[in-house]
C-alpha atoms as a PDB file:
ATOM      1  CA  MET A   1     220.622 300.438  34.263  1.00  0.00           C
ATOM      2  CA  PRO A   2     218.031 300.188  37.257  1.00  0.00           C
ATOM      3  CA  THR A   3     218.691 301.289  40.360  1.00  0.00           C
ATOM      4  CA  GLY A   4     218.806 297.814  43.020  1.00  0.00           C
ATOM      5  CA  ILE A   5     220.031 294.824  40.762  1.00  0.00           C
ATOM      6  CA  THR A   6     223.732 293.577  41.067  1.00  0.00           C
ATOM      7  CA  THR A   7     226.363 292.044  38.743  1.00  0.00           C
ATOM      8  CA  THR A   8     225.601 288.948  40.635  1.00  0.00           C
ATOM      9  CA  THR A   9     222.231 289.693  39.990  1.00  0.00           C
ATOM     10  CA  LEU A  10     222.498 289.976  36.857  1.00  0.00           C
ATOM     11  CA  LEU A  11     224.866 287.717  35.954  1.00  0.00           C
ATOM     12  CA  GLY A  12     221.978 285.204  37.805  1.00  0.00           C
ATOM     13  CA  ILE A  13     219.760 286.495  35.927  1.00  0.00           C
ATOM     14  CA  LEU A  14     221.653 285.526  31.970  1.00  0.00           C
ATOM     15  CA  ILE A  15     224.236 283.932  32.644  1.00  0.00           C
ATOM     16  CA  LEU A  16     222.985 280.887  34.619  1.00  0.00           C
ATOM     17  CA  PRO A  17     219.372 280.378  31.916  1.00  0.00           C
ATOM     18  CA  GLY A  18     221.949 280.825  29.407  1.00  0.00           C
ATOM     19  CA  VAL A  19     224.278 277.440  29.972  1.00  0.00           C
ATOM     20  CA  MET A  20     221.554 275.448  30.561  1.00  0.00           C
ATOM     21  CA  PHE A  21     219.682 276.472  27.485  1.00  0.00           C
ATOM     22  CA  ALA A  22     222.554 275.617  25.782  1.00  0.00           C
ATOM     23  CA  ILE A  23     223.337 272.838  27.575  1.00  0.00           C
ATOM     24  CA  VAL A  24     219.276 271.143  26.492  1.00  0.00           C
ATOM     25  CA  TYR A  25     219.387 272.992  23.129  1.00  0.00           C
ATOM     26  CA  SER A  26     220.596 269.930  21.106  1.00  0.00           C
ATOM     27  CA  PRO A  27     218.832 267.068  22.616  1.00  0.00           C
ATOM     28  CA  ILE A  28     215.842 268.894  22.525  1.00  0.00           C
ATOM     29  CA  VAL A  29     216.377 269.908  18.736  1.00  0.00           C
ATOM     30  CA  THR A  30     217.096 266.209  17.640  1.00  0.00           C
ATOM     31  CA  ARG A  31     214.029 264.686  20.033  1.00  0.00           C
ATOM     32  CA  LEU A  32     211.808 267.041  17.626  1.00  0.00           C
ATOM     33  CA  SER A  33     212.772 266.378  14.280  1.00  0.00           C
ATOM     34  CA  ARG A  34     212.210 262.548  14.178  1.00  0.00           C
ATOM     35  CA  GLY A  35     208.667 263.572  13.792  1.00  0.00           C
ATOM     36  CA  LEU A  36     208.927 266.952  11.473  1.00  0.00           C
ATOM     37  CA  VAL A  37     208.304 266.164   7.964  1.00  0.00           C
ATOM     38  CA  SER A  38     207.640 269.200   5.163  1.00  0.00           C
ATOM     39  CA  PRO A  39     206.645 269.026   1.854  1.00  0.00           C
ATOM     40  CA  TYR A  40     208.172 272.123   1.549  1.00  0.00           C
ATOM     41  CA  ALA A  41     211.586 273.461   0.552  1.00  0.00           C
ATOM     42  CA  LYS A  42     213.645 275.682   2.092  1.00  0.00           C
ATOM     43  CA  ALA A  43     213.713 279.554   2.357  1.00  0.00           C
ATOM     44  CA  ASP A  44     216.717 281.608   1.708  1.00  0.00           C
ATOM     45  CA  VAL A  45     218.985 281.037   4.328  1.00  0.00           C
ATOM     46  CA  LYS A  46     220.576 285.385   3.616  1.00  0.00           C
ATOM     47  CA  ARG A  47     216.880 286.665   3.445  1.00  0.00           C
ATOM     48  CA  ARG A  48     215.678 284.502   6.327  1.00  0.00           C
ATOM     49  CA  LEU A  49     218.968 286.301   8.297  1.00  0.00           C
ATOM     50  CA  CYS A  50     218.362 289.657   6.520  1.00  0.00           C
ATOM     51  CA  ALA A  51     214.444 289.424   8.005  1.00  0.00           C
ATOM     52  CA  VAL A  52     215.900 288.903  11.238  1.00  0.00           C
ATOM     53  CA  THR A  53     217.782 291.743  11.589  1.00  0.00           C
ATOM     54  CA  ILE A  54     214.975 294.450   9.863  1.00  0.00           C
ATOM     55  CA  ASP A  55     212.708 292.409  13.000  1.00  0.00           C
ATOM     56  CA  GLY A  56     216.203 292.398  15.605  1.00  0.00           C
ATOM     57  CA  LEU A  57     216.288 296.249  15.154  1.00  0.00           C
ATOM     58  CA  LEU A  58     212.666 297.293  15.698  1.00  0.00           C
ATOM     59  CA  VAL A  59     212.976 295.543  18.788  1.00  0.00           C
ATOM     60  CA  ALA A  60     216.194 296.671  19.587  1.00  0.00           C
ATOM     61  CA  THR A  61     214.698 300.144  19.412  1.00  0.00           C
ATOM     62  CA  SER A  62     211.974 299.716  21.497  1.00  0.00           C
ATOM     63  CA  GLY A  63     214.725 298.730  24.110  1.00  0.00           C
ATOM     64  CA  VAL A  64     216.803 301.788  23.697  1.00  0.00           C
ATOM     65  CA  LEU A  65     213.355 304.026  23.509  1.00  0.00           C
ATOM     66  CA  TYR A  66     213.208 302.365  27.116  1.00  0.00           C
ATOM     67  CA  TRP A  67     216.349 302.611  28.286  1.00  0.00           C
ATOM     68  CA  SER A  68     216.788 306.072  27.772  1.00  0.00           C
ATOM     69  CA  SER A  69     213.010 307.291  28.599  1.00  0.00           C
ATOM     70  CA  ASP A  70     212.214 304.503  32.129  1.00  0.00           C
ATOM     71  CA  PHE A  71     208.705 304.111  29.998  1.00  0.00           C
ATOM     72  CA  VAL A  72     207.699 300.340  30.598  1.00  0.00           C
ATOM     73  CA  SER A  73     205.424 300.753  27.750  1.00  0.00           C
ATOM     74  CA  TYR A  74     208.122 300.744  25.120  1.00  0.00           C
ATOM     75  CA  LEU A  75     209.714 297.627  26.562  1.00  0.00           C
ATOM     76  CA  ALA A  76     206.338 295.305  26.657  1.00  0.00           C
ATOM     77  CA  ALA A  77     205.783 296.716  23.208  1.00  0.00           C
ATOM     78  CA  GLY A  78     209.459 295.580  22.216  1.00  0.00           C
ATOM     79  CA  ALA A  79     208.705 291.863  23.681  1.00  0.00           C
ATOM     80  CA  ALA A  80     204.762 291.705  22.246  1.00  0.00           C
ATOM     81  CA  TYR A  81     206.308 292.495  18.684  1.00  0.00           C
ATOM     82  CA  LEU A  82     209.204 289.754  19.255  1.00  0.00           C
ATOM     83  CA  LEU A  83     206.408 287.042  20.837  1.00  0.00           C
ATOM     84  CA  LEU A  84     204.041 288.168  17.962  1.00  0.00           C
ATOM     85  CA  ARG A  85     205.306 288.956  14.859  1.00  0.00           C
ATOM     86  CA  ASP A  86     204.621 286.286  12.529  1.00  0.00           C
ATOM     87  CA  ALA A  87     200.808 285.917  13.923  1.00  0.00           C
ATOM     88  CA  ILE A  88     199.833 288.594  11.003  1.00  0.00           C
ATOM     89  CA  LYS A  89     199.617 286.041   7.863  1.00  0.00           C
ATOM     90  CA  GLY A  90     202.560 284.193   8.848  1.00  0.00           C
ATOM     91  CA  GLN A  91     205.000 287.450   7.907  1.00  0.00           C
ATOM     92  CA  SER A  92     206.603 289.682  10.399  1.00  0.00           C
ATOM     93  CA  VAL A  93     207.807 293.270   9.057  1.00  0.00           C
ATOM     94  CA  GLY A  94     210.944 291.884   8.124  1.00  0.00           C
ATOM     95  CA  LYS A  95     209.299 288.889   7.193  1.00  0.00           C
ATOM     96  CA  PHE A  96     207.130 290.755   4.763  1.00  0.00           C
ATOM     97  CA  LEU A  97     209.815 293.314   3.075  1.00  0.00           C
ATOM     98  CA  LEU A  98     211.983 290.117   1.343  1.00  0.00           C
ATOM     99  CA  GLY A  99     209.094 288.103   1.169  1.00  0.00           C
ATOM    100  CA  LEU A 100     209.164 285.170   3.398  1.00  0.00           C
ATOM    101  CA  VAL A 101     205.618 283.769   5.259  1.00  0.00           C
ATOM    102  CA  VAL A 102     205.470 281.350   8.093  1.00  0.00           C
ATOM    103  CA  ILE A 103     203.303 278.499   7.641  1.00  0.00           C
ATOM    104  CA  SER A 104     201.761 275.677   9.677  1.00  0.00           C
ATOM    105  CA  LEU A 105     202.930 272.314   8.554  1.00  0.00           C
ATOM    106  CA  GLU A 106     199.424 270.768   9.852  1.00  0.00           C
ATOM    107  CA  THR A 107     197.248 272.537   7.786  1.00  0.00           C
ATOM    108  CA  GLY A 108     199.548 274.159   5.483  1.00  0.00           C
ATOM    109  CA  ARG A 109     198.397 277.845   5.478  1.00  0.00           C
ATOM    110  CA  PRO A 110     200.049 280.881   7.647  1.00  0.00           C
ATOM    111  CA  SER A 111     200.813 280.933  10.715  1.00  0.00           C
ATOM    112  CA  SER A 112     198.158 281.746  13.164  1.00  0.00           C
ATOM    113  CA  LEU A 113     198.461 283.496  16.916  1.00  0.00           C
ATOM    114  CA  THR A 114     198.953 280.507  18.639  1.00  0.00           C
ATOM    115  CA  GLY A 115     202.006 279.308  15.819  1.00  0.00           C
ATOM    116  CA  SER A 116     203.259 282.890  16.362  1.00  0.00           C
ATOM    117  CA  VAL A 117     203.375 282.714  20.095  1.00  0.00           C
ATOM    118  CA  ARG A 118     204.793 278.635  20.272  1.00  0.00           C
ATOM    119  CA  ARG A 119     207.586 279.612  17.534  1.00  0.00           C
ATOM    120  CA  ASN A 120     208.469 282.590  19.568  1.00  0.00           C
ATOM    121  CA  VAL A 121     207.926 282.480  23.637  1.00  0.00           C
ATOM    122  CA  LEU A 122     211.849 281.149  23.856  1.00  0.00           C
ATOM    123  CA  LEU A 123     212.934 284.293  22.210  1.00  0.00           C
ATOM    124  CA  LEU A 124     211.521 285.894  25.519  1.00  0.00           C
ATOM    125  CA  LEU A 125     213.445 284.116  27.562  1.00  0.00           C
ATOM    126  CA  PRO A 126     216.313 286.431  29.667  1.00  0.00           C
ATOM    127  CA  GLY A 127     220.071 285.239  29.040  1.00  0.00           C
ATOM    128  CA  ALA A 128     218.495 282.201  27.302  1.00  0.00           C
ATOM    129  CA  ASN A 129     217.227 284.691  24.694  1.00  0.00           C
ATOM    130  CA  VAL A 130     220.957 285.635  23.778  1.00  0.00           C
ATOM    131  CA  VAL A 131     222.538 281.789  23.206  1.00  0.00           C
ATOM    132  CA  ALA A 132     219.420 281.292  21.385  1.00  0.00           C
ATOM    133  CA  LEU A 133     219.843 283.324  18.724  1.00  0.00           C
ATOM    134  CA  PHE A 134     223.301 281.425  17.966  1.00  0.00           C
ATOM    135  CA  LEU A 135     221.812 278.702  18.215  1.00  0.00           C
ATOM    136  CA  GLU A 136     219.326 278.950  16.615  1.00  0.00           C
ATOM    137  CA  ALA A 137     221.027 280.182  13.384  1.00  0.00           C
ATOM    138  CA  ARG A 138     222.848 277.076  13.495  1.00  0.00           C
ATOM    139  CA  THR A 139     219.987 275.118  13.314  1.00  0.00           C
ATOM    140  CA  VAL A 140     218.172 277.339  10.168  1.00  0.00           C
ATOM    141  CA  VAL A 141     221.243 276.844   8.229  1.00  0.00           C
ATOM    142  CA  ARG A 142     221.959 273.003   8.905  1.00  0.00           C
ATOM    143  CA  ASP A 143     218.437 271.916   8.749  1.00  0.00           C
ATOM    144  CA  PRO A 144     217.449 270.420   4.954  1.00  0.00           C
ATOM    145  CA  GLN A 145     214.267 272.618   6.006  1.00  0.00           C
ATOM    146  CA  GLY A 146     216.035 275.770   8.097  1.00  0.00           C
ATOM    147  CA  GLN A 147     213.627 275.098  10.789  1.00  0.00           C
ATOM    148  CA  ARG A 148     214.892 276.161  14.115  1.00  0.00           C
ATOM    149  CA  LEU A 149     213.515 274.635  17.533  1.00  0.00           C
ATOM    150  CA  GLY A 150     210.964 277.421  18.090  1.00  0.00           C
ATOM    151  CA  ASP A 151     209.599 276.571  14.440  1.00  0.00           C
ATOM    152  CA  ARG A 152     209.599 272.001  15.672  1.00  0.00           C
ATOM    153  CA  PHE A 153     207.798 273.649  18.702  1.00  0.00           C
ATOM    154  CA  ALA A 154     204.839 275.251  16.712  1.00  0.00           C
ATOM    155  CA  GLN A 155     205.028 272.593  13.816  1.00  0.00           C
ATOM    156  CA  THR A 156     206.092 275.591  11.637  1.00  0.00           C
ATOM    157  CA  GLN A 157     208.248 276.540   8.715  1.00  0.00           C
ATOM    158  CA  VAL A 158     209.558 279.767   6.836  1.00  0.00           C
ATOM    159  CA  VAL A 159     208.650 279.248   3.275  1.00  0.00           C
ATOM    160  CA  GLU A 160     209.135 281.770   0.274  1.00  0.00           C
ATOM    161  CA  GLY A 161     205.907 283.903  -0.380  1.00  0.00           C
ATOM    162  CA  PHE A 162     204.324 286.794  -0.691  1.00  0.00           C
ATOM    163  CA  GLY A 163     205.856 290.054  -0.105  1.00  0.00           C
ATOM    164  CA  ALA A 164     206.703 293.616  -0.736  1.00  0.00           C
ATOM    165  CA  LYS A 165     209.125 293.187  -3.836  1.00  0.00           C
ATOM    166  CA  ASP A 166     205.066 291.078  -5.046  1.00  0.00           C
ATOM    167  CA  LEU A 167     203.260 293.798  -3.415  1.00  0.00           C
ATOM    168  CA  VAL A 168     204.960 296.955  -5.606  1.00  0.00           C
ATOM    169  CA  LYS A 169     205.095 294.754  -8.837  1.00  0.00           C
ATOM    170  CA  SER A 170     201.397 293.702  -8.558  1.00  0.00           C
ATOM    171  CA  PHE A 171     200.811 297.442  -8.482  1.00  0.00           C
ATOM    172  CA  GLN A 172     202.842 298.387 -11.152  1.00  0.00           C
ATOM    173  CA  GLU A 173     201.371 296.015 -13.385  1.00  0.00           C
ATOM    174  CA  TRP A 174     198.116 297.334 -12.444  1.00  0.00           C
ATOM    175  CA  LEU A 175     199.644 300.556 -12.863  1.00  0.00           C
ATOM    176  CA  MET A 176     200.345 299.646 -16.396  1.00  0.00           C
ATOM    177  CA  GLY A 177     197.126 298.529 -16.992  1.00  0.00           C
ATOM    178  CA  PHE A 178     194.982 300.889 -16.040  1.00  0.00           C
ATOM    179  CA  GLY A 179     197.386 303.266 -17.823  1.00  0.00           C
ATOM    180  CA  ALA A 180     197.056 301.125 -21.064  1.00  0.00           C
ATOM    181  CA  GLU A 181     193.298 301.262 -20.750  1.00  0.00           C
ATOM    182  CA  PHE A 182     192.825 304.875 -20.202  1.00  0.00           C
ATOM    183  CA  GLY A 183     194.987 305.800 -22.782  1.00  0.00           C
ATOM    184  CA  ARG A 184     192.845 302.717 -25.306  1.00  0.00           C
ATOM    185  CA  LYS A 185     189.008 304.897 -24.016  1.00  0.00           C
ATOM    186  CA  VAL A 186     190.567 308.377 -24.429  1.00  0.00           C
ATOM    187  CA  GLY A 187     192.204 307.535 -27.652  1.00  0.00           C
ATOM    188  CA  ARG A 188     188.348 306.682 -29.097  1.00  0.00           C
ATOM    189  CA  ARG A 189     187.252 309.283 -27.764  1.00  0.00           C
ATOM    190  CA  ARG A 190     189.360 311.912 -29.816  1.00  0.00           C
ATOM    191  CA  ARG A 191     188.959 309.606 -33.362  1.00  0.00           C
ATOM    192  CA  ALA A 192     184.998 309.651 -33.096  1.00  0.00           C
ATOM    193  CA  PRO A 193     184.079 311.536 -36.089  1.00  0.00           C
ATOM    194  CA  VAL A 194     182.627 314.526 -35.739  1.00  0.00           C
ATOM    195  CA  ARG A 195     179.212 315.321 -36.549  1.00  0.00           C
ATOM    196  CA  VAL A 196     178.461 318.991 -38.454  1.00  0.00           C
ATOM    197  CA  ASP A 197     174.528 319.956 -38.578  1.00  0.00           C
ATOM    198  CA  ARG A 198     174.356 321.288 -41.916  1.00  0.00           C
ATOM    199  CA  ALA A 199     170.932 322.013 -42.045  1.00  0.00           C
ATOM    200  CA  ALA A 200     171.814 325.344 -40.330  1.00  0.00           C
END
């Protein structure tokens, strides 16, 4: 623990925001859900939990690196990943590996940089982020579309989409097609009649 931080200060930084967040969470979710309508099916909850676990391990790794080396860049990298993780085609590392995509309900397209920031900014609030893990997971399970508070702020939803499994399958299909085509071309060359020059 960095020097100069007392237990009272640490409790004030973490506990108070966590308690306040827990108190206001349910009314905010209820209020924001009134105008939110989604035509998309709810993504598989187990896959979402696995994806968030993978992303959480990446962020935890940056935290461990920071605590063992005191390089603030590790902490900044973890925070940046947490905030911007859904900005590239609506997929974090965990979502890509499990075939999930965050889409904008306004456009029907994968989440943008702005959508990712709006969706994940709550997870950077000290103390509130710990409480948010439990409250957001409960909301994802209970909500008909699996939309947590961050999704409601950003007008996004996690849906099933293209991921690593599909990429591997596409590559296998391409490889099989390439192998079959290559085999046909090699077979044609072998069957071609050999011309013999009888004049010699």
